[in-house]
Amino acid sequence: MDEGLKLNPDEAVVRRSEKIGYGRKKPFEIPGNRDELVLTNQSLILIKKGLLGGVKDYVRFPLSEVMIANGEAQAHVGKADFMTPTLDVYFQSGQESFRFEWENDARDWADSINEILTGKAPEKKDDMAWVAETLAMADSVAGSINKVRNALGIGQEEEASGICPGCGASISGIRGKTIQCPYCGTYYTF
């Protein structure tokens, strides 16, 4: 156990991540997240590290000071720039931001903080729920495209099949179009 954390007797580590950046990214900042973040059942602890990886400082943020609104802890995923995900935690004294490499990691941290403070576990989606959501979105887009096509008078070609009235052979074509049976030469409109 890291002696610098100075945990209380009833305090336990819940989650720990390395390669964390502290605060919003600043212009001309040296790239790379070197700090470490520890979540306990009582605090967020930032372990500030130097350029060579040595510990420079420990900063403790008590979870008891995290704002709660509408039954949810105010710990959310944000963006430091257009690409860097952050864990934004709103304390009574202000906001603190921690930069992560991956958005899912920041989301897991926000969920963990919320669970500690409210006792509510995050809703788990089915592993394949995203497939259903994607298909629903595709259906919605296809419906919108068809409405635009219909409004512009652009019909959608629909395949059709049938039986040739001349020879009884199976024939296929586009609904509304006339074809000639390849076997007997009879013309047929679907």
Protein backbone atom coordinates (compact mmCIF):
# COMPACT_ATOMS: atom_id res chain seq x y z
CA MET A 1 0.00 0.00 0.00
CA ASP A 2 1.21 3.50 -0.81
CA GLU A 3 2.16 5.10 2.53
CA GLY A 4 1.62 8.61 1.14
CA LEU A 5 -2.12 8.08 0.74
CA LYS A 6 -2.60 8.24 4.52
CA LEU A 7 -5.94 6.43 4.48
CA ASN A 8 -8.28 6.65 7.45
CA PRO A 9 -8.85 3.40 9.41
CA ASP A 10 -12.32 2.98 7.81
CA GLU A 11 -11.21 4.04 4.32
CA ALA A 12 -10.71 1.58 1.46
CA VAL A 13 -9.43 1.95 -2.10
CA VAL A 14 -12.20 1.36 -4.66
CA ARG A 15 -10.42 2.18 -7.92
CA ARG A 16 -7.02 3.41 -9.06
CA SER A 17 -5.78 4.66 -12.45
CA GLU A 18 -2.44 5.82 -13.76
CA LYS A 19 -1.74 8.13 -16.70
CA ILE A 20 -4.18 10.80 -15.52
CA GLY A 21 -3.89 14.48 -16.33
CA TYR A 22 -5.08 17.07 -13.84
CA GLY A 23 -7.15 20.07 -14.88
CA ARG A 24 -8.12 21.24 -18.32
CA LYS A 25 -5.44 20.97 -20.97
CA LYS A 26 -3.61 24.25 -21.34
CA PRO A 27 -2.05 25.64 -24.53
CA PHE A 28 1.62 24.71 -24.95
CA GLU A 29 1.33 22.06 -22.22
CA ILE A 30 3.80 19.20 -22.42
CA PRO A 31 1.73 16.24 -23.66
CA GLY A 32 1.26 13.15 -21.57
CA ASN A 33 -0.68 12.33 -18.46
CA ARG A 34 1.68 11.38 -15.64
CA ASP A 35 -0.46 11.65 -12.51
CA GLU A 36 -2.38 8.92 -10.72
CA LEU A 37 -5.93 9.04 -9.37
CA VAL A 38 -7.23 6.96 -6.47
CA LEU A 39 -10.89 6.65 -5.49
CA THR A 40 -11.64 5.54 -1.95
CA ASN A 41 -14.97 5.22 -0.22
CA GLN A 42 -14.29 8.69 1.24
CA SER A 43 -12.10 10.67 -1.16
CA LEU A 44 -10.60 11.23 -4.55
CA ILE A 45 -6.83 11.36 -4.13
CA LEU A 46 -4.64 12.82 -6.85
CA ILE A 47 -1.04 11.69 -6.79
CA LYS A 48 0.92 14.36 -8.64
CA LYS A 49 4.06 13.00 -10.24
CA GLY A 50 7.13 14.70 -11.63
CA LEU A 51 8.66 14.37 -15.06
CA LEU A 52 10.61 11.26 -14.04
CA GLY A 53 7.68 9.63 -12.25
CA GLY A 54 8.53 10.53 -8.65
CA VAL A 55 5.69 11.60 -6.35
CA LYS A 56 5.54 15.39 -5.94
CA ASP A 57 2.34 15.77 -3.92
CA TYR A 58 -0.90 14.17 -2.74
CA VAL A 59 -4.13 16.17 -3.12
CA ARG A 60 -7.24 14.89 -1.33
CA PHE A 61 -10.76 15.80 -2.51
CA PRO A 62 -13.38 14.62 0.05
CA LEU A 63 -16.38 12.92 -1.56
CA SER A 64 -18.58 14.46 1.13
CA GLU A 65 -18.14 17.78 -0.71
CA VAL A 66 -19.34 16.48 -4.10
CA MET A 67 -22.56 18.19 -5.16
CA ILE A 68 -25.64 16.00 -5.56
CA ALA A 69 -28.54 17.12 -7.75
CA ASN A 70 -31.71 15.16 -8.52
CA GLY A 71 -30.31 12.17 -6.68
CA GLU A 72 -27.17 12.01 -8.86
CA ALA A 73 -23.59 12.82 -7.87
CA GLN A 74 -22.27 15.62 -10.05
CA ALA A 75 -19.45 13.63 -11.64
CA HIS A 76 -19.74 13.67 -15.42
CA VAL A 77 -17.74 12.88 -18.52
CA GLY A 78 -16.65 15.96 -20.44
CA LYS A 79 -14.02 17.01 -22.96
CA ALA A 80 -10.89 19.05 -22.28
CA ASP A 81 -10.63 19.75 -25.99
CA PHE A 82 -12.44 18.07 -28.85
CA MET A 83 -10.75 14.74 -28.20
CA THR A 84 -9.55 14.38 -24.60
CA PRO A 85 -12.16 12.88 -22.25
CA THR A 86 -12.36 14.26 -18.73
CA LEU A 87 -13.98 13.32 -15.48
CA ASP A 88 -15.52 16.58 -14.28
CA VAL A 89 -16.41 16.53 -10.59
CA TYR A 90 -18.39 19.40 -9.09
CA PHE A 91 -17.52 20.07 -5.46
CA GLN A 92 -19.07 22.66 -3.17
CA SER A 93 -15.90 24.70 -3.64
CA GLY A 94 -15.78 24.39 -7.44
CA GLN A 95 -15.05 22.03 -10.30
CA GLU A 96 -12.09 19.71 -10.71
CA SER A 97 -11.23 17.96 -13.99
CA PHE A 98 -9.15 14.85 -14.53
CA ARG A 99 -8.04 13.90 -18.06
CA PHE A 100 -8.27 10.26 -19.14
CA GLU A 101 -6.99 8.40 -22.19
CA TRP A 102 -10.34 6.68 -22.80
CA GLU A 103 -13.90 7.95 -22.43
CA ASN A 104 -15.11 4.59 -21.06
CA ASP A 105 -12.61 4.86 -18.20
CA ALA A 106 -13.87 8.35 -17.30
CA ARG A 107 -17.46 7.05 -17.45
CA ASP A 108 -16.60 4.12 -15.14
CA TRP A 109 -15.09 6.58 -12.65
CA ALA A 110 -18.20 8.80 -12.76
CA ASP A 111 -20.39 5.71 -12.21
CA SER A 112 -18.24 4.59 -9.26
CA ILE A 113 -18.41 8.03 -7.59
CA ASN A 114 -22.18 8.11 -8.07
CA GLU A 115 -22.57 4.61 -6.64
CA ILE A 116 -20.50 5.47 -3.53
CA LEU A 117 -22.45 8.67 -2.86
CA THR A 118 -25.99 7.57 -3.76
CA GLY A 119 -25.86 3.79 -3.38
CA LYS A 120 -27.29 3.42 -6.89
CA ALA A 121 -25.39 1.12 -9.23
CA PRO A 122 -25.23 2.29 -12.85
CA GLU A 123 -27.77 0.76 -15.21
CA LYS A 124 -26.12 -2.01 -17.17
CA LYS A 125 -27.08 -2.33 -20.81
CA ASP A 126 -27.10 -5.64 -22.61
CA ASP A 127 -23.85 -6.29 -24.41
CA MET A 128 -25.81 -6.23 -27.66
CA ALA A 129 -28.04 -3.25 -26.77
CA TRP A 130 -25.94 -1.01 -28.98
CA VAL A 131 -26.86 -3.21 -31.98
CA ALA A 132 -30.58 -2.66 -31.36
CA GLU A 133 -29.99 1.09 -30.89
CA THR A 134 -27.97 1.25 -34.12
CA LEU A 135 -30.63 -0.66 -36.09
CA ALA A 136 -33.37 1.60 -34.73
CA MET A 137 -31.36 4.64 -35.77
CA ALA A 138 -30.79 3.14 -39.26
CA ASP A 139 -34.54 2.48 -39.63
CA SER A 140 -35.25 6.07 -38.62
CA VAL A 141 -32.76 7.42 -41.16
CA ALA A 142 -34.16 5.15 -43.90
CA GLY A 143 -37.69 6.35 -43.09
CA SER A 144 -36.56 9.97 -43.29
CA ILE A 145 -34.86 9.39 -46.63
CA ASN A 146 -38.01 7.75 -48.03
CA LYS A 147 -40.13 10.71 -46.88
CA VAL A 148 -37.78 13.12 -48.65
CA ARG A 149 -37.79 10.97 -51.82
CA ASN A 150 -41.59 10.81 -51.81
CA ALA A 151 -41.88 14.56 -51.20
CA LEU A 152 -39.60 15.18 -54.20
CA GLY A 153 -41.51 12.70 -56.34
CA ILE A 154 -38.61 10.29 -56.52
CA GLY A 155 -40.11 6.82 -56.23
CA GLN A 156 -38.35 3.96 -54.58
CA GLU A 157 -37.75 1.01 -56.88
CA GLU A 158 -39.24 -2.15 -55.48
CA GLU A 159 -38.50 -5.56 -56.92
CA ALA A 160 -41.43 -7.78 -57.81
CA SER A 161 -41.87 -11.27 -59.18
CA GLY A 162 -44.70 -13.14 -60.82
CA ILE A 163 -45.79 -15.70 -63.38
CA CYS A 164 -45.74 -14.94 -67.11
CA PRO A 165 -49.33 -15.05 -68.41
CA GLY A 166 -48.07 -16.36 -71.76
CA CYS A 167 -45.99 -19.40 -70.80
CA GLY A 168 -46.23 -19.71 -66.98
CA ALA A 169 -42.51 -19.10 -66.37
CA SER A 170 -41.34 -17.26 -63.25
CA ILE A 171 -40.38 -13.68 -64.08
CA SER A 172 -39.10 -10.75 -62.03
CA GLY A 173 -38.59 -7.06 -62.48
CA ILE A 174 -39.24 -3.63 -60.93
CA ARG A 175 -42.76 -2.75 -59.75
CA GLY A 176 -44.39 -0.34 -62.18
CA LYS A 177 -42.08 -1.30 -65.08
CA THR A 178 -42.89 -3.44 -68.10
CA ILE A 179 -40.65 -6.39 -68.97
CA GLN A 180 -40.57 -8.90 -71.77
CA CYS A 181 -40.61 -12.59 -70.83
CA PRO A 182 -37.25 -14.08 -71.87
CA TYR A 183 -38.94 -17.39 -72.77
CA CYS A 184 -42.01 -16.50 -74.86
CA GLY A 185 -41.65 -12.74 -75.51
CA THR A 186 -44.90 -11.73 -73.77
CA TYR A 187 -44.82 -8.22 -72.27
CA TYR A 188 -45.85 -7.96 -68.60
CA THR A 189 -46.18 -4.95 -66.24
CA PHE A 190 -45.67 -5.54 -62.49
